[in-house]
């Protein structure tokens, strides 16, 4: 099975691990410079970037989800707030053409577009 995994920045692996664990990700690999977090069929790979400024980050990826509403509910349950500023934050699901889409901005300012399969 071919697959792709996004490579995203983390200012601090421990804090990134805690944030993503709150929405159901588990650590499948970690060494001093690389970390892989997984949730069902999603794998996110992180590299250390301690000087990253979250409010200036341009990193992003798309998560294509079978249950966008369920994933979004998990994020809300983890106390990630809906807002148009700051990090972390959520943007509620909405229709964009034929797609249903939402967004999650993580603690490092990375934009994760949440797209319903």
N, C-alpha and C. Protein backbone atom coordinates (compact mmCIF):
# COMPACT_ATOMS: atom_id res chain seq x y z
N UNK A 1 0.84 -1.17 0.00
CA UNK A 1 0.00 0.00 0.00
C UNK A 1 0.89 1.24 0.00
N UNK A 2 0.77 2.07 -1.03
CA UNK A 2 1.48 3.34 -1.08
C UNK A 2 0.77 4.33 -0.16
N UNK A 3 1.53 5.26 0.41
CA UNK A 3 0.92 6.30 1.22
C UNK A 3 1.88 7.47 1.34
N UNK A 4 1.36 8.60 1.71
CA UNK A 4 2.16 9.79 1.96
C UNK A 4 1.90 10.26 3.39
N UNK A 5 2.90 10.82 4.01
CA UNK A 5 2.72 11.36 5.35
C UNK A 5 3.30 12.78 5.39
N UNK A 6 2.55 13.72 5.92
CA UNK A 6 3.06 15.09 6.00
C UNK A 6 4.19 15.19 7.01
N UNK A 7 5.15 16.04 6.71
CA UNK A 7 6.27 16.33 7.61
C UNK A 7 6.04 17.73 8.16
N UNK A 8 5.81 17.80 9.47
CA UNK A 8 5.38 19.03 10.11
C UNK A 8 6.37 19.45 11.20
N UNK A 9 6.43 20.74 11.50
CA UNK A 9 7.37 21.21 12.53
C UNK A 9 6.82 21.04 13.94
N UNK A 10 7.74 20.86 14.86
CA UNK A 10 7.41 20.83 16.29
C UNK A 10 8.49 21.61 17.03
N UNK A 11 8.05 22.57 17.82
CA UNK A 11 9.02 23.30 18.64
C UNK A 11 9.49 22.44 19.82
N UNK A 12 8.64 21.50 20.24
CA UNK A 12 8.95 20.67 21.41
C UNK A 12 8.15 19.37 21.26
N UNK A 13 8.85 18.25 21.11
CA UNK A 13 8.16 16.98 20.88
C UNK A 13 7.19 16.64 22.01
N UNK A 14 7.58 16.87 23.24
CA UNK A 14 6.70 16.51 24.36
C UNK A 14 5.38 17.28 24.29
N UNK A 15 5.45 18.59 24.03
CA UNK A 15 4.23 19.39 23.94
C UNK A 15 3.39 18.99 22.73
N UNK A 16 4.04 18.70 21.61
CA UNK A 16 3.32 18.25 20.42
C UNK A 16 2.63 16.92 20.69
N UNK A 17 3.33 16.02 21.34
CA UNK A 17 2.77 14.71 21.71
C UNK A 17 1.52 14.88 22.58
N UNK A 18 1.61 15.72 23.59
CA UNK A 18 0.46 15.95 24.49
C UNK A 18 -0.73 16.53 23.73
N UNK A 19 -0.47 17.51 22.87
CA UNK A 19 -1.55 18.14 22.11
C UNK A 19 -2.26 17.11 21.25
N UNK A 20 -1.52 16.36 20.46
CA UNK A 20 -2.13 15.40 19.54
C UNK A 20 -2.71 14.19 20.27
N UNK A 21 -2.15 13.82 21.42
CA UNK A 21 -2.72 12.72 22.21
C UNK A 21 -4.13 13.09 22.67
N UNK A 22 -4.37 14.38 22.91
CA UNK A 22 -5.68 14.82 23.38
C UNK A 22 -6.77 14.61 22.32
N UNK A 23 -6.37 14.44 21.06
CA UNK A 23 -7.35 14.18 20.00
C UNK A 23 -7.16 12.79 19.38
N UNK A 24 -6.51 11.90 20.13
CA UNK A 24 -6.50 10.49 19.76
C UNK A 24 -5.28 9.96 19.04
N UNK A 25 -4.21 10.74 18.91
CA UNK A 25 -3.00 10.25 18.26
C UNK A 25 -2.09 9.57 19.28
N UNK A 26 -1.40 8.54 18.83
CA UNK A 26 -0.40 7.87 19.68
C UNK A 26 0.96 7.94 18.99
N UNK A 27 2.00 7.88 19.79
CA UNK A 27 3.36 7.93 19.27
C UNK A 27 3.77 6.54 18.81
N UNK A 28 4.13 6.43 17.53
CA UNK A 28 4.60 5.14 17.02
C UNK A 28 6.12 5.12 16.84
N UNK A 29 6.74 6.30 16.84
CA UNK A 29 8.21 6.37 16.72
C UNK A 29 8.66 7.73 17.24
N UNK A 30 9.81 7.72 17.93
CA UNK A 30 10.44 8.97 18.32
C UNK A 30 11.91 8.74 18.59
N UNK A 31 12.73 9.63 18.06
CA UNK A 31 14.12 9.70 18.46
C UNK A 31 14.42 11.16 18.74
N UNK A 32 15.67 11.55 18.77
CA UNK A 32 16.02 12.92 19.14
C UNK A 32 15.57 13.96 18.13
N UNK A 33 15.36 13.57 16.87
CA UNK A 33 15.07 14.56 15.84
C UNK A 33 13.82 14.28 15.01
N UNK A 34 13.13 13.17 15.28
CA UNK A 34 11.98 12.80 14.45
C UNK A 34 10.93 12.12 15.32
N UNK A 35 9.67 12.37 15.02
CA UNK A 35 8.59 11.75 15.77
C UNK A 35 7.43 11.46 14.81
N UNK A 36 6.82 10.30 14.98
CA UNK A 36 5.66 9.91 14.18
C UNK A 36 4.48 9.66 15.12
N UNK A 37 3.36 10.34 14.83
CA UNK A 37 2.13 10.16 15.58
C UNK A 37 1.08 9.57 14.65
N UNK A 38 0.27 8.63 15.17
CA UNK A 38 -0.73 7.97 14.34
C UNK A 38 -2.08 7.94 15.03
N UNK A 39 -3.10 8.01 14.19
CA UNK A 39 -4.49 7.88 14.64
C UNK A 39 -5.23 7.17 13.51
N UNK A 40 -5.67 5.96 13.76
CA UNK A 40 -6.30 5.13 12.73
C UNK A 40 -5.38 5.08 11.51
N UNK A 41 -5.82 5.55 10.35
CA UNK A 41 -4.98 5.48 9.14
C UNK A 41 -4.21 6.76 8.86
N UNK A 42 -4.15 7.67 9.81
CA UNK A 42 -3.44 8.94 9.62
C UNK A 42 -2.11 8.88 10.35
N UNK A 43 -1.04 9.23 9.65
CA UNK A 43 0.28 9.36 10.26
C UNK A 43 0.78 10.77 10.01
N UNK A 44 1.24 11.42 11.07
CA UNK A 44 1.85 12.74 10.99
C UNK A 44 3.28 12.60 11.47
N UNK A 45 4.22 13.09 10.67
CA UNK A 45 5.63 13.01 11.03
C UNK A 45 6.13 14.40 11.38
N UNK A 46 6.86 14.50 12.48
CA UNK A 46 7.31 15.80 12.99
C UNK A 46 8.83 15.85 13.06
N UNK A 47 9.37 17.01 12.70
CA UNK A 47 10.79 17.30 12.86
C UNK A 47 10.92 18.46 13.83
N UNK A 48 12.04 18.51 14.55
CA UNK A 48 12.24 19.59 15.50
C UNK A 48 12.52 20.90 14.78
N UNK A 49 11.85 21.94 15.24
CA UNK A 49 12.03 23.29 14.71
C UNK A 49 11.83 24.25 15.88
N UNK A 50 12.78 24.26 16.83
CA UNK A 50 12.59 25.01 18.07
C UNK A 50 12.46 26.53 17.90
N UNK A 51 12.92 27.07 16.79
CA UNK A 51 12.85 28.52 16.59
C UNK A 51 11.61 28.96 15.81
N UNK A 52 10.72 28.03 15.50
CA UNK A 52 9.50 28.34 14.77
C UNK A 52 8.64 29.33 15.56
N UNK A 53 8.13 30.31 14.89
CA UNK A 53 7.19 31.26 15.49
C UNK A 53 5.78 30.88 15.00
N UNK A 54 4.95 30.31 15.89
CA UNK A 54 3.65 29.79 15.48
C UNK A 54 2.77 30.77 14.70
N UNK A 55 2.79 32.03 15.06
CA UNK A 55 1.92 32.99 14.38
C UNK A 55 2.45 33.39 13.00
N UNK A 56 3.66 32.93 12.67
CA UNK A 56 4.23 33.21 11.35
C UNK A 56 4.40 31.93 10.54
N UNK A 57 3.94 30.80 11.06
CA UNK A 57 4.11 29.52 10.38
C UNK A 57 3.31 29.47 9.10
N UNK A 58 3.88 28.86 8.08
CA UNK A 58 3.18 28.66 6.80
C UNK A 58 3.02 27.17 6.50
N UNK A 59 3.33 26.31 7.46
CA UNK A 59 3.20 24.86 7.27
C UNK A 59 1.72 24.48 7.25
N UNK A 60 1.38 23.50 6.39
CA UNK A 60 0.00 23.03 6.34
C UNK A 60 -0.06 21.64 5.72
N UNK A 61 -1.20 20.99 5.90
CA UNK A 61 -1.47 19.72 5.25
C UNK A 61 -2.98 19.50 5.26
N UNK A 62 -3.43 18.48 4.55
CA UNK A 62 -4.85 18.11 4.54
C UNK A 62 -5.01 16.75 5.19
N UNK A 63 -6.03 16.62 6.02
CA UNK A 63 -6.43 15.32 6.55
C UNK A 63 -7.78 15.01 5.92
N UNK A 64 -7.84 13.93 5.17
CA UNK A 64 -9.09 13.51 4.53
C UNK A 64 -9.71 12.47 5.46
N UNK A 65 -10.88 12.79 5.96
CA UNK A 65 -11.50 12.03 7.05
C UNK A 65 -12.82 11.42 6.63
N UNK A 66 -13.05 10.17 7.06
CA UNK A 66 -14.35 9.54 6.84
C UNK A 66 -15.41 10.15 7.76
N UNK A 67 -14.98 10.63 8.94
CA UNK A 67 -15.92 11.21 9.91
C UNK A 67 -15.40 12.56 10.38
N UNK A 68 -15.53 13.55 9.54
CA UNK A 68 -15.09 14.90 9.87
C UNK A 68 -15.77 15.41 11.13
N UNK A 69 -17.08 15.21 11.23
CA UNK A 69 -17.81 15.71 12.40
C UNK A 69 -17.33 15.06 13.69
N UNK A 70 -17.05 13.76 13.64
CA UNK A 70 -16.53 13.06 14.82
C UNK A 70 -15.16 13.56 15.22
N UNK A 71 -14.29 13.77 14.24
CA UNK A 71 -12.95 14.29 14.52
C UNK A 71 -13.05 15.69 15.11
N UNK A 72 -13.91 16.52 14.53
CA UNK A 72 -14.11 17.87 15.04
C UNK A 72 -14.63 17.84 16.47
N UNK A 73 -15.57 16.95 16.75
CA UNK A 73 -16.10 16.81 18.12
C UNK A 73 -14.99 16.40 19.10
N UNK A 74 -14.07 15.52 18.67
CA UNK A 74 -12.93 15.14 19.52
C UNK A 74 -12.08 16.37 19.83
N UNK A 75 -11.88 17.22 18.85
CA UNK A 75 -11.09 18.44 19.06
C UNK A 75 -11.77 19.36 20.06
N UNK A 76 -13.08 19.52 19.93
CA UNK A 76 -13.82 20.35 20.89
C UNK A 76 -13.76 19.75 22.29
N UNK A 77 -13.88 18.42 22.38
CA UNK A 77 -13.81 17.76 23.68
C UNK A 77 -12.43 17.93 24.33
N UNK A 78 -11.41 18.12 23.50
CA UNK A 78 -10.05 18.33 24.00
C UNK A 78 -9.83 19.80 24.38
N UNK A 79 -10.91 20.60 24.34
CA UNK A 79 -10.88 22.01 24.74
C UNK A 79 -10.11 22.89 23.76
N UNK A 80 -10.04 22.48 22.49
CA UNK A 80 -9.49 23.35 21.46
C UNK A 80 -10.62 24.28 21.05
N UNK A 81 -10.37 25.57 21.10
CA UNK A 81 -11.43 26.55 20.91
C UNK A 81 -11.62 26.93 19.44
N UNK A 82 -12.87 27.26 19.10
CA UNK A 82 -13.15 27.83 17.80
C UNK A 82 -12.80 29.32 17.87
N UNK A 83 -11.95 29.76 16.96
CA UNK A 83 -11.51 31.15 16.96
C UNK A 83 -10.93 31.47 15.59
N UNK A 84 -10.76 32.75 15.32
CA UNK A 84 -10.10 33.13 14.08
C UNK A 84 -8.69 33.67 14.34
N UNK A 85 -8.22 33.54 15.58
CA UNK A 85 -6.88 33.99 15.94
C UNK A 85 -6.23 33.04 16.92
N UNK A 86 -4.90 33.03 16.89
CA UNK A 86 -4.12 32.28 17.86
C UNK A 86 -3.94 30.82 17.49
N UNK A 87 -3.19 30.14 18.31
CA UNK A 87 -2.92 28.72 18.13
C UNK A 87 -2.80 28.09 19.51
N UNK A 88 -3.45 26.96 19.71
CA UNK A 88 -4.26 26.19 18.77
C UNK A 88 -5.66 26.79 18.63
N UNK A 89 -6.33 26.39 17.54
CA UNK A 89 -7.70 26.84 17.31
C UNK A 89 -8.37 25.96 16.27
N UNK A 90 -9.69 26.08 16.22
CA UNK A 90 -10.51 25.35 15.26
C UNK A 90 -11.34 26.31 14.42
N UNK A 91 -11.66 25.87 13.21
CA UNK A 91 -12.63 26.53 12.35
C UNK A 91 -13.70 25.49 12.03
N UNK A 92 -14.94 25.81 12.29
CA UNK A 92 -16.05 24.87 12.18
C UNK A 92 -16.24 24.36 10.76
N UNK A 93 -16.78 23.13 10.64
CA UNK A 93 -17.07 22.58 9.31
C UNK A 93 -18.05 23.46 8.54
N UNK A 94 -17.79 23.57 7.24
CA UNK A 94 -18.70 24.29 6.34
C UNK A 94 -18.57 23.70 4.94
N UNK A 95 -19.51 24.01 4.10
CA UNK A 95 -19.46 23.53 2.71
C UNK A 95 -18.71 24.52 1.87
N UNK A 96 -17.82 23.99 1.04
CA UNK A 96 -17.06 24.80 0.10
C UNK A 96 -17.18 24.11 -1.25
N UNK A 97 -18.11 24.57 -2.07
CA UNK A 97 -18.40 23.86 -3.31
C UNK A 97 -19.00 22.51 -2.97
N UNK A 98 -18.39 21.45 -3.48
CA UNK A 98 -18.89 20.10 -3.20
C UNK A 98 -18.20 19.46 -2.00
N UNK A 99 -17.31 20.21 -1.32
CA UNK A 99 -16.56 19.66 -0.18
C UNK A 99 -17.09 20.19 1.14
N UNK A 100 -17.01 19.34 2.15
CA UNK A 100 -17.23 19.77 3.53
C UNK A 100 -15.84 19.88 4.15
N UNK A 101 -15.53 21.04 4.72
CA UNK A 101 -14.17 21.30 5.19
C UNK A 101 -14.21 22.04 6.52
N UNK A 102 -13.22 21.77 7.35
CA UNK A 102 -13.00 22.47 8.61
C UNK A 102 -11.50 22.69 8.72
N UNK A 103 -11.06 23.25 9.83
CA UNK A 103 -9.63 23.46 9.99
C UNK A 103 -9.23 23.37 11.46
N UNK A 104 -8.01 22.90 11.66
CA UNK A 104 -7.37 22.85 12.97
C UNK A 104 -6.01 23.51 12.81
N UNK A 105 -5.70 24.46 13.67
CA UNK A 105 -4.37 25.03 13.74
C UNK A 105 -3.76 24.51 15.03
N UNK A 106 -2.62 23.82 14.91
CA UNK A 106 -2.03 23.19 16.10
C UNK A 106 -1.22 24.19 16.92
N UNK A 107 -0.58 23.70 17.98
CA UNK A 107 0.15 24.57 18.90
C UNK A 107 1.37 25.23 18.27
N UNK A 108 1.82 24.70 17.14
CA UNK A 108 2.97 25.29 16.44
C UNK A 108 2.55 26.13 15.25
N UNK A 109 1.26 26.38 15.10
CA UNK A 109 0.77 27.23 14.02
C UNK A 109 0.55 26.50 12.70
N UNK A 110 0.68 25.18 12.69
CA UNK A 110 0.45 24.40 11.46
C UNK A 110 -1.04 24.31 11.18
N UNK A 111 -1.42 24.60 9.95
CA UNK A 111 -2.81 24.49 9.52
C UNK A 111 -3.08 23.09 9.00
N UNK A 112 -4.03 22.40 9.62
CA UNK A 112 -4.48 21.10 9.14
C UNK A 112 -5.89 21.28 8.60
N UNK A 113 -6.02 21.19 7.28
CA UNK A 113 -7.35 21.27 6.67
C UNK A 113 -8.03 19.93 6.88
N UNK A 114 -9.23 19.94 7.39
CA UNK A 114 -9.98 18.73 7.69
C UNK A 114 -11.05 18.60 6.61
N UNK A 115 -10.95 17.57 5.78
CA UNK A 115 -11.82 17.43 4.61
C UNK A 115 -12.58 16.12 4.71
N UNK A 116 -13.90 16.20 4.57
CA UNK A 116 -14.74 15.01 4.59
C UNK A 116 -14.50 14.19 3.31
N UNK A 117 -14.22 12.89 3.48
CA UNK A 117 -14.09 12.00 2.31
C UNK A 117 -15.41 11.91 1.59
